[in-house]
Amino acid sequence: MVDTVDTVDSMPSHSGVAKQVLRTARKTTRRQDYSSSTKRALIESAAELFTERGYAGTSLDEVVAAARVTKGALYHHFASKLDLFESVFLKVQREATDEITAAFGKIKDPWERAEAGLVAFLKVCRRPEYRRICMQEGPVALGHERWQEAEREASFGIVERTVVDLLDQVGEELQTLREPFTVVFYGAMRSAAEYVADADDPESASEEVLATIGAILLGMRSLQPTD
């Protein structure tokens, strides 16, 4: 017969099990933190290099050296150089979208909101990181189809909401034209981004775009019914 006392004594105490679980959880958290910081360092270092040298001019050896990690660590997070670039591209796109949205998020007047969003958008387009990675290198590295898809996912919704709000101000006559208005304005914004990104003087190009689209908005506003 098994001695009950000996069996109980041989079982781990609740406090011992809890301590073991806690130690395991801490180790897991530390590994996760290290993995996250490694991935972040790779993306940040790659963003700087892609901005300075472009996609073709940047090697993975340079990225790992700048991030101070091993090649194995890079391949743990990214399957290839293209995979790394796409992560950088999406990060820059996401930050740009957040910045533009924050610029007009609290403005109530639709016309003022549209203008604030346009100013924020042009500011982003002048930023070297966005110009090089999203506008110049993106179509080449990702391919035009994937680049267009990512661009649309990032900004089409903002343009659509802005157009809907503006058309709500100008009466019922144009309500049936929401879709074509959105497509046309989205195309105009993309063309504006390319115009600014490729300009020798992005500041002057931004002012020209602001004046042009501002005139279009002014024309739309003239259609607004008067009380």
Protein backbone atom coordinates (compact mmCIF):
# COMPACT_ATOMS: atom_id res chain seq x y z
CA MET A 1 0.00 0.00 0.00
CA VAL A 2 1.24 3.47 -0.85
CA ASP A 3 1.86 5.70 2.10
CA THR A 4 -0.54 8.67 1.75
CA VAL A 5 1.75 10.98 3.64
CA ASP A 6 4.70 10.16 1.38
CA THR A 7 2.52 10.72 -1.69
CA VAL A 8 1.35 14.11 -0.51
CA ASP A 9 4.88 15.12 0.44
CA SER A 10 6.14 14.17 -3.02
CA MET A 11 3.55 16.33 -4.79
CA PRO A 12 4.65 19.85 -5.69
CA SER A 13 3.10 22.59 -3.59
CA HIS A 14 0.70 25.10 -5.12
CA SER A 15 3.17 27.91 -4.44
CA GLY A 16 5.94 25.96 -6.20
CA VAL A 17 3.81 25.43 -9.29
CA ALA A 18 2.85 29.09 -9.32
CA LYS A 19 6.47 30.18 -9.15
CA GLN A 20 7.40 27.83 -12.00
CA VAL A 21 4.56 29.15 -14.16
CA LEU A 22 5.60 32.72 -13.38
CA ARG A 23 9.22 32.05 -14.32
CA THR A 24 8.13 30.46 -17.61
CA ALA A 25 5.84 33.41 -18.37
CA ARG A 26 8.65 35.87 -17.69
CA LYS A 27 11.01 34.00 -20.01
CA THR A 28 8.34 33.94 -22.73
CA THR A 29 7.69 37.66 -22.32
CA ARG A 30 11.40 38.46 -22.51
CA ARG A 31 11.72 36.40 -25.70
CA GLN A 32 8.71 38.14 -27.20
CA ASP A 33 10.06 41.56 -26.23
CA TYR A 34 13.44 40.72 -27.75
CA SER A 35 11.82 39.43 -30.93
CA SER A 36 9.65 42.56 -31.24
CA SER A 37 12.59 44.88 -30.65
CA THR A 38 14.67 42.99 -33.23
CA LYS A 39 11.94 43.27 -35.85
CA ARG A 40 11.46 46.95 -35.06
CA ALA A 41 15.20 47.61 -35.37
CA LEU A 42 15.30 45.86 -38.75
CA ILE A 43 12.34 47.86 -40.10
CA GLU A 44 13.70 51.17 -38.84
CA SER A 45 17.18 50.52 -40.19
CA ALA A 46 15.81 49.33 -43.52
CA ALA A 47 13.59 52.42 -43.77
CA GLU A 48 16.61 54.69 -43.42
CA LEU A 49 18.63 52.76 -45.98
CA PHE A 50 15.78 52.45 -48.49
CA THR A 51 15.16 56.19 -48.17
CA GLU A 52 18.82 57.02 -48.73
CA ARG A 53 19.81 54.41 -51.33
CA GLY A 54 16.59 52.99 -52.75
CA TYR A 55 15.52 49.36 -52.94
CA ALA A 56 18.09 48.16 -55.47
CA GLY A 57 20.91 50.06 -53.78
CA THR A 58 20.35 48.51 -50.35
CA SER A 59 21.70 45.09 -49.38
CA LEU A 60 20.52 42.88 -46.52
CA ASP A 61 24.07 42.84 -45.17
CA GLU A 62 23.83 46.62 -44.75
CA VAL A 63 20.45 46.31 -43.04
CA VAL A 64 21.59 43.75 -40.45
CA ALA A 65 24.77 45.74 -39.80
CA ALA A 66 22.75 48.91 -39.19
CA ALA A 67 20.27 47.06 -36.97
CA ARG A 68 23.09 45.23 -35.14
CA VAL A 69 21.49 41.82 -35.56
CA THR A 70 22.44 38.63 -37.37
CA LYS A 71 21.33 37.52 -40.82
CA GLY A 72 19.55 34.63 -39.14
CA ALA A 73 17.51 37.07 -37.05
CA LEU A 74 16.48 38.90 -40.20
CA TYR A 75 15.32 35.70 -41.90
CA HIS A 76 13.41 34.74 -38.76
CA HIS A 77 11.14 37.74 -39.38
CA PHE A 78 11.33 38.28 -43.14
CA ALA A 79 11.43 35.75 -45.96
CA SER A 80 13.30 38.02 -48.35
CA LYS A 81 14.45 41.54 -49.07
CA LEU A 82 11.13 42.20 -50.83
CA ASP A 83 9.24 40.99 -47.76
CA LEU A 84 11.24 43.41 -45.62
CA PHE A 85 10.62 46.27 -48.04
CA GLU A 86 6.87 45.64 -48.06
CA SER A 87 6.81 45.77 -44.25
CA VAL A 88 8.66 49.09 -44.36
CA PHE A 89 6.35 50.38 -47.09
CA LEU A 90 3.20 49.47 -45.13
CA LYS A 91 4.59 51.03 -41.96
CA VAL A 92 5.29 54.34 -43.72
CA GLN A 93 1.85 54.21 -45.37
CA ARG A 94 0.13 53.52 -42.05
CA GLU A 95 1.91 56.38 -40.32
CA ALA A 96 0.99 58.74 -43.17
CA THR A 97 -2.67 57.71 -43.01
CA ASP A 98 -2.75 58.19 -39.24
CA GLU A 99 -1.17 61.63 -39.54
CA ILE A 100 -3.61 62.78 -42.23
CA THR A 101 -6.61 61.45 -40.33
CA ALA A 102 -5.48 63.15 -37.11
CA ALA A 103 -5.13 66.48 -38.95
CA PHE A 104 -8.83 66.78 -39.72
CA GLY A 105 -10.42 64.35 -37.29
CA LYS A 106 -11.78 67.00 -34.90
CA ILE A 107 -12.82 69.59 -37.50
CA LYS A 108 -16.58 69.72 -37.99
CA ASP A 109 -16.96 71.86 -41.11
CA PRO A 110 -16.60 69.57 -44.19
CA TRP A 111 -14.87 72.22 -46.32
CA GLU A 112 -12.34 73.08 -43.61
CA ARG A 113 -11.84 69.37 -42.98
CA ALA A 114 -11.11 68.72 -46.65
CA GLU A 115 -8.59 71.57 -46.76
CA ALA A 116 -6.87 70.42 -43.56
CA GLY A 117 -6.63 66.89 -44.92
CA LEU A 118 -5.15 68.17 -48.18
CA VAL A 119 -2.54 70.27 -46.37
CA ALA A 120 -1.57 67.28 -44.19
CA PHE A 121 -1.41 65.02 -47.24
CA LEU A 122 0.91 67.39 -49.10
CA LYS A 123 3.08 67.69 -46.01
CA VAL A 124 3.46 63.91 -45.97
CA CYS A 125 4.27 63.88 -49.69
CA ARG A 126 7.19 66.25 -49.10
CA ARG A 127 8.74 63.97 -46.48
CA PRO A 128 11.83 62.23 -47.94
CA GLU A 129 10.92 58.83 -46.44
CA TYR A 130 7.41 58.86 -47.93
CA ARG A 131 8.55 60.28 -51.27
CA ARG A 132 11.28 57.69 -51.77
CA ILE A 133 9.70 54.56 -50.30
CA CYS A 134 6.00 54.98 -51.11
CA MET A 135 6.02 57.01 -54.32
CA GLN A 136 9.31 56.28 -56.06
CA GLU A 137 10.51 52.84 -54.92
CA GLY A 138 7.13 51.26 -54.15
CA PRO A 139 5.89 50.79 -57.75
CA VAL A 140 9.26 49.41 -58.84
CA ALA A 141 9.89 47.03 -55.94
CA LEU A 142 6.34 45.81 -55.31
CA GLY A 143 5.11 45.94 -58.88
CA HIS A 144 2.51 48.41 -60.06
CA GLU A 145 -0.49 46.20 -59.25
CA ARG A 146 0.50 45.47 -55.63
CA TRP A 147 1.52 49.10 -55.13
CA GLN A 148 -1.84 50.35 -56.41
CA GLU A 149 -3.64 47.89 -54.14
CA ALA A 150 -1.71 49.06 -51.06
CA GLU A 151 -2.20 52.72 -51.96
CA ARG A 152 -5.92 52.21 -52.37
CA GLU A 153 -6.24 50.36 -49.06
CA ALA A 154 -4.44 53.19 -47.27
CA SER A 155 -6.13 56.26 -48.75
CA PHE A 156 -9.25 55.48 -50.77
CA GLY A 157 -11.43 55.37 -47.66
CA ILE A 158 -10.28 58.83 -46.57
CA VAL A 159 -11.05 60.32 -49.99
CA GLU A 160 -14.43 58.59 -50.12
CA ARG A 161 -15.52 59.91 -46.71
CA THR A 162 -14.38 63.41 -47.63
CA VAL A 163 -16.26 63.39 -50.94
CA VAL A 164 -19.45 62.09 -49.32
CA ASP A 165 -19.32 64.85 -46.70
CA LEU A 166 -18.80 67.53 -49.37
CA LEU A 167 -21.56 66.28 -51.62
CA ASP A 168 -23.92 66.33 -48.67
CA GLN A 169 -23.36 70.08 -48.59
CA VAL A 170 -24.17 70.84 -52.21
CA GLY A 171 -27.68 69.46 -52.55
CA GLU A 172 -29.39 66.38 -53.87
CA GLU A 173 -28.50 66.91 -57.53
CA LEU A 174 -25.01 65.44 -57.16
CA GLN A 175 -25.79 62.65 -54.68
CA THR A 176 -26.02 60.08 -57.50
CA LEU A 177 -22.46 60.97 -58.54
CA ARG A 178 -20.75 59.95 -55.31
CA GLU A 179 -18.88 57.04 -56.87
CA PRO A 180 -17.47 58.88 -59.93
CA PHE A 181 -16.63 61.91 -57.76
CA THR A 182 -14.70 59.65 -55.39
CA VAL A 183 -12.81 57.93 -58.21
CA VAL A 184 -11.91 61.25 -59.86
CA PHE A 185 -10.77 62.85 -56.60
CA TYR A 186 -8.80 59.76 -55.64
CA GLY A 187 -7.04 59.83 -59.00
CA ALA A 188 -6.33 63.53 -58.56
CA MET A 189 -4.79 62.96 -55.14
CA ARG A 190 -2.58 60.16 -56.42
CA SER A 191 -1.44 62.30 -59.34
CA ALA A 192 -0.78 65.16 -56.93
CA ALA A 193 1.36 62.88 -54.76
CA GLU A 194 3.43 61.80 -57.76
CA TYR A 195 3.75 65.41 -58.92
CA VAL A 196 5.11 66.50 -55.54
CA ALA A 197 7.31 63.42 -55.08
CA ASP A 198 9.01 63.86 -58.46
CA ALA A 199 9.38 67.64 -58.28
CA ASP A 200 12.80 69.27 -57.92
CA ASP A 201 11.15 71.72 -55.51
CA PRO A 202 8.51 69.80 -53.49
CA GLU A 203 7.54 72.91 -51.52
CA SER A 204 6.61 74.88 -54.64
CA ALA A 205 4.90 71.84 -56.14
CA SER A 206 2.80 71.46 -52.98
CA GLU A 207 1.72 75.09 -53.16
CA GLU A 208 0.69 74.61 -56.79
CA VAL A 209 -1.33 71.51 -55.95
CA LEU A 210 -2.95 73.24 -52.98
CA ALA A 211 -4.01 76.18 -55.18
CA THR A 212 -5.33 73.86 -57.91
CA ILE A 213 -7.39 71.56 -55.71
CA GLY A 214 -8.41 74.54 -53.60
CA ALA A 215 -9.94 76.11 -56.73
CA ILE A 216 -11.84 72.89 -57.42
CA LEU A 217 -13.20 72.84 -53.87
CA LEU A 218 -14.16 76.50 -54.17
CA GLY A 219 -16.11 75.71 -57.32
CA MET A 220 -17.91 72.86 -55.57
CA ARG A 221 -18.70 75.09 -52.63
CA SER A 222 -20.35 77.62 -54.93
CA LEU A 223 -22.97 74.96 -55.65
CA GLN A 224 -23.98 74.89 -52.00
CA PRO A 225 -27.62 76.01 -51.61
CA THR A 226 -28.13 79.37 -49.91
CA ASP A 227 -30.72 79.81 -47.19
